[in-house]
PDB file of all heavy atoms in Angstrom:
ATOM      1  N   SER A   1       9.718  95.914-224.738  1.00  0.00           N
ATOM      2  CA  SER A   1       9.343  94.664-225.394  1.00  0.00           C
ATOM      3  C   SER A   1      10.391  94.204-226.404  1.00  0.00           C
ATOM      4  O   SER A   1      10.420  93.030-226.769  1.00  0.00           O
ATOM      5  CB  SER A   1       7.981  94.819-226.081  1.00  0.00           C
ATOM      6  OG  SER A   1       6.965  94.993-225.124  1.00  0.00           O
ATOM      7  N   SER A   2      11.227  95.112-226.862  1.00  0.00           N
ATOM      8  CA  SER A   2      12.276  94.713-227.807  1.00  0.00           C
ATOM      9  C   SER A   2      13.635  94.555-227.138  1.00  0.00           C
ATOM     10  O   SER A   2      14.603  94.173-227.792  1.00  0.00           O
ATOM     11  CB  SER A   2      12.395  95.752-228.936  1.00  0.00           C
ATOM     12  OG  SER A   2      12.701  97.028-228.415  1.00  0.00           O
ATOM     13  N   ALA A   3      13.701  94.844-225.831  1.00  0.00           N
ATOM     14  CA  ALA A   3      14.971  94.723-225.114  1.00  0.00           C
ATOM     15  C   ALA A   3      14.862  93.823-223.892  1.00  0.00           C
ATOM     16  O   ALA A   3      15.869  93.361-223.375  1.00  0.00           O
ATOM     17  CB  ALA A   3      15.456  96.109-224.679  1.00  0.00           C
ATOM     18  N   LEU A   4      13.646  93.563-223.428  1.00  0.00           N
ATOM     19  CA  LEU A   4      13.399  92.817-222.198  1.00  0.00           C
ATOM     20  C   LEU A   4      14.107  93.510-221.028  1.00  0.00           C
ATOM     21  O   LEU A   4      13.705  94.588-220.636  1.00  0.00           O
ATOM     22  CB  LEU A   4      13.817  91.354-222.351  1.00  0.00           C
ATOM     23  CG  LEU A   4      13.098  90.556-223.439  1.00  0.00           C
ATOM     24  CD1 LEU A   4      13.481  89.079-223.367  1.00  0.00           C
ATOM     25  CD2 LEU A   4      11.603  90.728-223.379  1.00  0.00           C
ATOM     26  N   THR A   5      15.165  92.929-220.492  1.00  0.00           N
ATOM     27  CA  THR A   5      15.864  93.530-219.357  1.00  0.00           C
ATOM     28  C   THR A   5      17.326  93.751-219.720  1.00  0.00           C
ATOM     29  O   THR A   5      18.041  92.799-220.036  1.00  0.00           O
ATOM     30  CB  THR A   5      15.788  92.618-218.123  1.00  0.00           C
ATOM     31  OG1 THR A   5      16.275  91.320-218.458  1.00  0.00           O
ATOM     32  CG2 THR A   5      14.351  92.501-217.634  1.00  0.00           C
ATOM     33  N   CYS A   6      17.765  94.991-219.708  1.00  0.00           N
ATOM     34  CA  CYS A   6      19.135  95.330-220.090  1.00  0.00           C
ATOM     35  C   CYS A   6      19.858  96.004-218.925  1.00  0.00           C
ATOM     36  O   CYS A   6      19.513  97.127-218.522  1.00  0.00           O
ATOM     37  CB  CYS A   6      19.136  96.251-221.307  1.00  0.00           C
ATOM     38  SG  CYS A   6      18.589  95.437-222.816  1.00  0.00           S
ATOM     39  N   ARG A   7      20.867  95.334-218.416  1.00  0.00           N
ATOM     40  CA  ARG A   7      21.627  95.802-217.262  1.00  0.00           C
ATOM     41  C   ARG A   7      22.550  96.954-217.656  1.00  0.00           C
ATOM     42  O   ARG A   7      23.213  96.918-218.695  1.00  0.00           O
ATOM     43  CB  ARG A   7      22.450  94.624-216.743  1.00  0.00           C
ATOM     44  CG  ARG A   7      23.007  94.747-215.353  1.00  0.00           C
ATOM     45  CD  ARG A   7      23.780  93.485-215.007  1.00  0.00           C
ATOM     46  NE  ARG A   7      24.216  93.447-213.617  1.00  0.00           N
ATOM     47  CZ  ARG A   7      25.135  92.618-213.170  1.00  0.00           C
ATOM     48  NH1 ARG A   7      25.712  91.750-213.987  1.00  0.00           N
ATOM     49  NH2 ARG A   7      25.479  92.653-211.892  1.00  0.00           N
ATOM     50  N   VAL A   8      22.612  97.977-216.829  1.00  0.00           N
ATOM     51  CA  VAL A   8      23.415  99.166-217.116  1.00  0.00           C
ATOM     52  C   VAL A   8      24.668  99.168-216.246  1.00  0.00           C
ATOM     53  O   VAL A   8      24.596  98.967-215.033  1.00  0.00           O
ATOM     54  CB  VAL A   8      22.597 100.451-216.864  1.00  0.00           C
ATOM     55  CG1 VAL A   8      23.454 101.691-217.095  1.00  0.00           C
ATOM     56  CG2 VAL A   8      21.367 100.479-217.769  1.00  0.00           C
ATOM     57  N   LYS A   9      25.802  99.410-216.887  1.00  0.00           N
ATOM     58  CA  LYS A   9      27.071  99.443-216.165  1.00  0.00           C
ATOM     59  C   LYS A   9      27.691 100.831-216.090  1.00  0.00           C
ATOM     60  O   LYS A   9      28.616 101.059-215.303  1.00  0.00           O
ATOM     61  CB  LYS A   9      28.071  98.490-216.803  1.00  0.00           C
ATOM     62  CG  LYS A   9      28.529  98.884-218.209  1.00  0.00           C
ATOM     63  CD  LYS A   9      29.577  97.913-218.747  1.00  0.00           C
ATOM     64  CE  LYS A   9      30.055  98.314-220.149  1.00  0.00           C
ATOM     65  NZ  LYS A   9      31.069  97.363-220.661  1.00  0.00           N
ATOM     66  N   GLU A  10      27.191 101.765-216.913  1.00  0.00           N
ATOM     67  CA  GLU A  10      27.815 103.085-216.961  1.00  0.00           C
ATOM     68  C   GLU A  10      26.778 104.139-217.322  1.00  0.00           C
ATOM     69  O   GLU A  10      25.961 103.925-218.223  1.00  0.00           O
ATOM     70  CB  GLU A  10      28.942 103.096-217.991  1.00  0.00           C
ATOM     71  CG  GLU A  10      29.690 104.404-218.130  1.00  0.00           C
ATOM     72  CD  GLU A  10      30.756 104.350-219.202  1.00  0.00           C
ATOM     73  OE1 GLU A  10      31.702 103.548-219.059  1.00  0.00           O
ATOM     74  OE2 GLU A  10      30.634 105.099-220.194  1.00  0.00           O
ATOM     75  N   ILE A  11      26.795 105.265-216.633  1.00  0.00           N
ATOM     76  CA  ILE A  11      25.923 106.402-216.925  1.00  0.00           C
ATOM     77  C   ILE A  11      26.767 107.667-216.938  1.00  0.00           C
ATOM     78  O   ILE A  11      27.484 107.955-215.975  1.00  0.00           O
ATOM     79  CB  ILE A  11      24.795 106.539-215.890  1.00  0.00           C
ATOM     80  CG1 ILE A  11      23.892 105.296-215.892  1.00  0.00           C
ATOM     81  CG2 ILE A  11      23.956 107.791-216.166  1.00  0.00           C
ATOM     82  CD1 ILE A  11      22.821 105.313-214.812  1.00  0.00           C
ATOM     83  N   ASP A  12      26.702 108.397-218.038  1.00  0.00           N
ATOM     84  CA  ASP A  12      27.481 109.638-218.188  1.00  0.00           C
ATOM     85  C   ASP A  12      28.963 109.403-217.897  1.00  0.00           C
ATOM     86  O   ASP A  12      29.633 110.238-217.268  1.00  0.00           O
ATOM     87  CB  ASP A  12      26.927 110.734-217.276  1.00  0.00           C
ATOM     88  CG  ASP A  12      25.547 111.217-217.711  1.00  0.00           C
ATOM     89  OD1 ASP A  12      25.222 111.063-218.897  1.00  0.00           O
ATOM     90  OD2 ASP A  12      24.800 111.730-216.863  1.00  0.00           O
ATOM     91  N   GLY A  13      29.465 108.253-218.324  1.00  0.00           N
ATOM     92  CA  GLY A  13      30.879 107.943-218.162  1.00  0.00           C
ATOM     93  C   GLY A  13      31.284 107.449-216.796  1.00  0.00           C
ATOM     94  O   GLY A  13      32.461 107.178-216.549  1.00  0.00           O
ATOM     95  N   LYS A  14      30.316 107.294-215.886  1.00  0.00           N
ATOM     96  CA  LYS A  14      30.616 106.839-214.527  1.00  0.00           C
ATOM     97  C   LYS A  14      30.070 105.426-214.314  1.00  0.00           C
ATOM     98  O   LYS A  14      28.949 105.111-214.720  1.00  0.00           O
ATOM     99  CB  LYS A  14      30.006 107.783-213.500  1.00  0.00           C
ATOM    100  CG  LYS A  14      30.526 109.213-213.591  1.00  0.00           C
ATOM    101  CD  LYS A  14      29.823 110.108-212.585  1.00  0.00           C
ATOM    102  CE  LYS A  14      30.310 111.547-212.702  1.00  0.00           C
ATOM    103  NZ  LYS A  14      29.600 112.452-211.760  1.00  0.00           N
ATOM    104  N   ALA A  15      30.855 104.583-213.673  1.00  0.00           N
ATOM    105  CA  ALA A  15      30.418 103.220-213.382  1.00  0.00           C
ATOM    106  C   ALA A  15      29.255 103.244-212.404  1.00  0.00           C
ATOM    107  O   ALA A  15      29.274 103.994-211.420  1.00  0.00           O
ATOM    108  CB  ALA A  15      31.575 102.409-212.806  1.00  0.00           C
ATOM    109  N   VAL A  16      28.235 102.424-212.685  1.00  0.00           N
ATOM    110  CA  VAL A  16      27.070 102.343-211.795  1.00  0.00           C
ATOM    111  C   VAL A  16      26.681 100.882-211.615  1.00  0.00           C
ATOM    112  O   VAL A  16      27.040 100.010-212.403  1.00  0.00           O
ATOM    113  CB  VAL A  16      25.859 103.121-212.354  1.00  0.00           C
ATOM    114  CG1 VAL A  16      26.160 104.602-212.476  1.00  0.00           C
ATOM    115  CG2 VAL A  16      25.418 102.547-213.688  1.00  0.00           C
ATOM    116  N   GLY A  17      25.901 100.631-210.565  1.00  0.00           N
ATOM    117  CA  GLY A  17      25.294  99.321-210.362  1.00  0.00           C
ATOM    118  C   GLY A  17      26.275  98.174-210.332  1.00  0.00           C
ATOM    119  O   GLY A  17      27.375  98.282-209.777  1.00  0.00           O
ATOM    120  N   MET A  18      25.821  97.043-210.908  1.00  0.00           N
ATOM    121  CA  MET A  18      26.634  95.828-211.019  1.00  0.00           C
ATOM    122  C   MET A  18      27.001  95.277-209.644  1.00  0.00           C
ATOM    123  O   MET A  18      28.051  94.666-209.471  1.00  0.00           O
ATOM    124  CB  MET A  18      27.895  96.084-211.852  1.00  0.00           C
ATOM    125  CG  MET A  18      27.663  96.773-213.200  1.00  0.00           C
ATOM    126  SD  MET A  18      26.668  95.818-214.351  1.00  0.00           S
ATOM    127  CE  MET A  18      27.882  94.631-214.926  1.00  0.00           C
ATOM    128  N   LYS A  19      26.098  95.466-208.645  1.00  0.00           N
ATOM    129  CA  LYS A  19      26.407  95.044-207.279  1.00  0.00           C
ATOM    130  C   LYS A  19      25.431  94.005-206.726  1.00  0.00           C
ATOM    131  O   LYS A  19      25.627  93.520-205.618  1.00  0.00           O
ATOM    132  CB  LYS A  19      26.418  96.259-206.337  1.00  0.00           C
ATOM    133  CG  LYS A  19      27.463  97.313-206.687  1.00  0.00           C
ATOM    134  CD  LYS A  19      27.283  98.547-205.811  1.00  0.00           C
ATOM    135  CE  LYS A  19      28.256  99.653-206.214  1.00  0.00           C
ATOM    136  NZ  LYS A  19      28.004 100.904-205.436  1.00  0.00           N
ATOM    137  N   ASP A  20      24.370  93.716-207.493  1.00  0.00           N
ATOM    138  CA  ASP A  20      23.386  92.749-207.007  1.00  0.00           C
ATOM    139  C   ASP A  20      22.940  91.862-208.169  1.00  0.00           C
ATOM    140  O   ASP A  20      21.764  91.814-208.520  1.00  0.00           O
ATOM    141  CB  ASP A  20      22.183  93.470-206.379  1.00  0.00           C
ATOM    142  CG  ASP A  20      21.230  92.523-205.665  1.00  0.00           C
ATOM    143  OD1 ASP A  20      21.509  91.300-205.648  1.00  0.00           O
ATOM    144  OD2 ASP A  20      20.197  92.987-205.147  1.00  0.00           O
ATOM    145  N   GLU A  21      23.914  91.163-208.731  1.00  0.00           N
ATOM    146  CA  GLU A  21      23.627  90.321-209.895  1.00  0.00           C
ATOM    147  C   GLU A  21      22.608  89.239-209.562  1.00  0.00           C
ATOM    148  O   GLU A  21      21.790  88.864-210.410  1.00  0.00           O
ATOM    149  CB  GLU A  21      24.909  89.682-210.424  1.00  0.00           C
ATOM    150  CG  GLU A  21      24.689  88.835-211.667  1.00  0.00           C
ATOM    151  CD  GLU A  21      25.983  88.320-212.246  1.00  0.00           C
ATOM    152  OE1 GLU A  21      27.044  88.490-211.620  1.00  0.00           O
ATOM    153  OE2 GLU A  21      25.929  87.741-213.347  1.00  0.00           O
ATOM    154  N   LYS A  22      22.621  88.756-208.328  1.00  0.00           N
ATOM    155  CA  LYS A  22      21.713  87.678-207.956  1.00  0.00           C
ATOM    156  C   LYS A  22      20.258  88.093-208.128  1.00  0.00           C
ATOM    157  O   LYS A  22      19.459  87.365-208.743  1.00  0.00           O
ATOM    158  CB  LYS A  22      21.966  87.248-206.508  1.00  0.00           C
ATOM    159  CG  LYS A  22      21.073  86.105-206.044  1.00  0.00           C
ATOM    160  CD  LYS A  22      21.393  85.703-204.608  1.00  0.00           C
ATOM    161  CE  LYS A  22      20.482  84.569-204.136  1.00  0.00           C
ATOM    162  NZ  LYS A  22      20.778  84.171-202.726  1.00  0.00           N
ATOM    163  N   THR A  23      19.878  89.253-207.599  1.00  0.00           N
ATOM    164  CA  THR A  23      18.490  89.701-207.713  1.00  0.00           C
ATOM    165  C   THR A  23      18.147  90.029-209.152  1.00  0.00           C
ATOM    166  O   THR A  23      17.075  89.651-209.656  1.00  0.00           O
ATOM    167  CB  THR A  23      18.240  90.928-206.822  1.00  0.00           C
ATOM    168  OG1 THR A  23      18.590  90.613-205.476  1.00  0.00           O
ATOM    169  CG2 THR A  23      16.783  91.347-206.875  1.00  0.00           C
ATOM    170  N   PHE A  24      19.049  90.747-209.841  1.00  0.00           N
ATOM    171  CA  PHE A  24      18.786  91.076-211.237  1.00  0.00           C
ATOM    172  C   PHE A  24      18.625  89.816-212.067  1.00  0.00           C
ATOM    173  O   PHE A  24      17.711  89.716-212.899  1.00  0.00           O
ATOM    174  CB  PHE A  24      19.907  91.945-211.814  1.00  0.00           C
ATOM    175  CG  PHE A  24      19.771  92.147-213.304  1.00  0.00           C
ATOM    176  CD1 PHE A  24      18.822  93.029-213.807  1.00  0.00           C
ATOM    177  CD2 PHE A  24      20.557  91.427-214.197  1.00  0.00           C
ATOM    178  CE1 PHE A  24      18.667  93.194-215.180  1.00  0.00           C
ATOM    179  CE2 PHE A  24      20.410  91.594-215.567  1.00  0.00           C
ATOM    180  CZ  PHE A  24      19.465  92.482-216.060  1.00  0.00           C
ATOM    181  N   ALA A  25      19.486  88.824-211.861  1.00  0.00           N
ATOM    182  CA  ALA A  25      19.430  87.592-212.644  1.00  0.00           C
ATOM    183  C   ALA A  25      18.130  86.839-212.408  1.00  0.00           C
ATOM    184  O   ALA A  25      17.596  86.202-213.324  1.00  0.00           O
ATOM    185  CB  ALA A  25      20.621  86.705-212.314  1.00  0.00           C
ATOM    186  N   ARG A  26      17.597  86.902-211.204  1.00  0.00           N
ATOM    187  CA  ARG A  26      16.309  86.246-210.937  1.00  0.00           C
ATOM    188  C   ARG A  26      15.212  86.865-211.802  1.00  0.00           C
ATOM    189  O   ARG A  26      14.380  86.148-212.376  1.00  0.00           O
ATOM    190  CB  ARG A  26      15.943  86.376-209.459  1.00  0.00           C
ATOM    191  CG  ARG A  26      16.824  85.587-208.515  1.00  0.00           C
ATOM    192  CD  ARG A  26      16.399  85.829-207.073  1.00  0.00           C
ATOM    193  NE  ARG A  26      15.087  85.219-206.793  1.00  0.00           N
ATOM    194  CZ  ARG A  26      14.263  85.632-205.848  1.00  0.00           C
ATOM    195  NH1 ARG A  26      14.584  86.688-205.087  1.00  0.00           N
ATOM    196  NH2 ARG A  26      13.104  85.022-205.646  1.00  0.00           N
ATOM    197  N   ILE A  27      15.212  88.186-211.902  1.00  0.00           N
ATOM    198  CA  ILE A  27      14.222  88.873-212.730  1.00  0.00           C
ATOM    199  C   ILE A  27      14.449  88.565-214.200  1.00  0.00           C
ATOM    200  O   ILE A  27      13.521  88.202-214.929  1.00  0.00           O
ATOM    201  CB  ILE A  27      14.275  90.389-212.476  1.00  0.00           C
ATOM    202  CG1 ILE A  27      13.934  90.705-211.019  1.00  0.00           C
ATOM    203  CG2 ILE A  27      13.339  91.132-213.427  1.00  0.00           C
ATOM    204  CD1 ILE A  27      14.190  92.138-210.620  1.00  0.00           C
ATOM    205  N   ARG A  28      15.685  88.705-214.648  1.00  0.00           N
ATOM    206  CA  ARG A  28      16.017  88.456-216.060  1.00  0.00           C
ATOM    207  C   ARG A  28      15.646  87.038-216.474  1.00  0.00           C
ATOM    208  O   ARG A  28      15.008  86.817-217.512  1.00  0.00           O
ATOM    209  CB  ARG A  28      17.517  88.671-216.271  1.00  0.00           C
ATOM    210  CG  ARG A  28      18.004  88.396-217.693  1.00  0.00           C
ATOM    211  CD  ARG A  28      19.516  88.209-217.700  1.00  0.00           C
ATOM    212  NE  ARG A  28      19.899  87.033-216.931  1.00  0.00           N
ATOM    213  CZ  ARG A  28      21.089  86.893-216.337  1.00  0.00           C
ATOM    214  NH1 ARG A  28      21.983  87.857-216.403  1.00  0.00           N
ATOM    215  NH2 ARG A  28      21.358  85.788-215.656  1.00  0.00           N
ATOM    216  N   ASP A  29      16.032  86.051-215.681  1.00  0.00           N
ATOM    217  CA  ASP A  29      15.796  84.659-216.043  1.00  0.00           C
ATOM    218  C   ASP A  29      14.311  84.310-216.017  1.00  0.00           C
ATOM    219  O   ASP A  29      13.830  83.516-216.840  1.00  0.00           O
ATOM    220  CB  ASP A  29      16.583  83.729-215.123  1.00  0.00           C
ATOM    221  CG  ASP A  29      18.090  83.885-215.280  1.00  0.00           C
ATOM    222  OD1 ASP A  29      18.525  84.520-216.262  1.00  0.00           O
ATOM    223  OD2 ASP A  29      18.834  83.379-214.417  1.00  0.00           O
TER     224      ASP A  29
END
């Protein structure tokens, strides 16, 4: 409730995700 939707680009120093911005953006918006 204090962050809403926060996209993650890195986990344990490794790049992750960032491959389906269209679907994520629909949810975020």
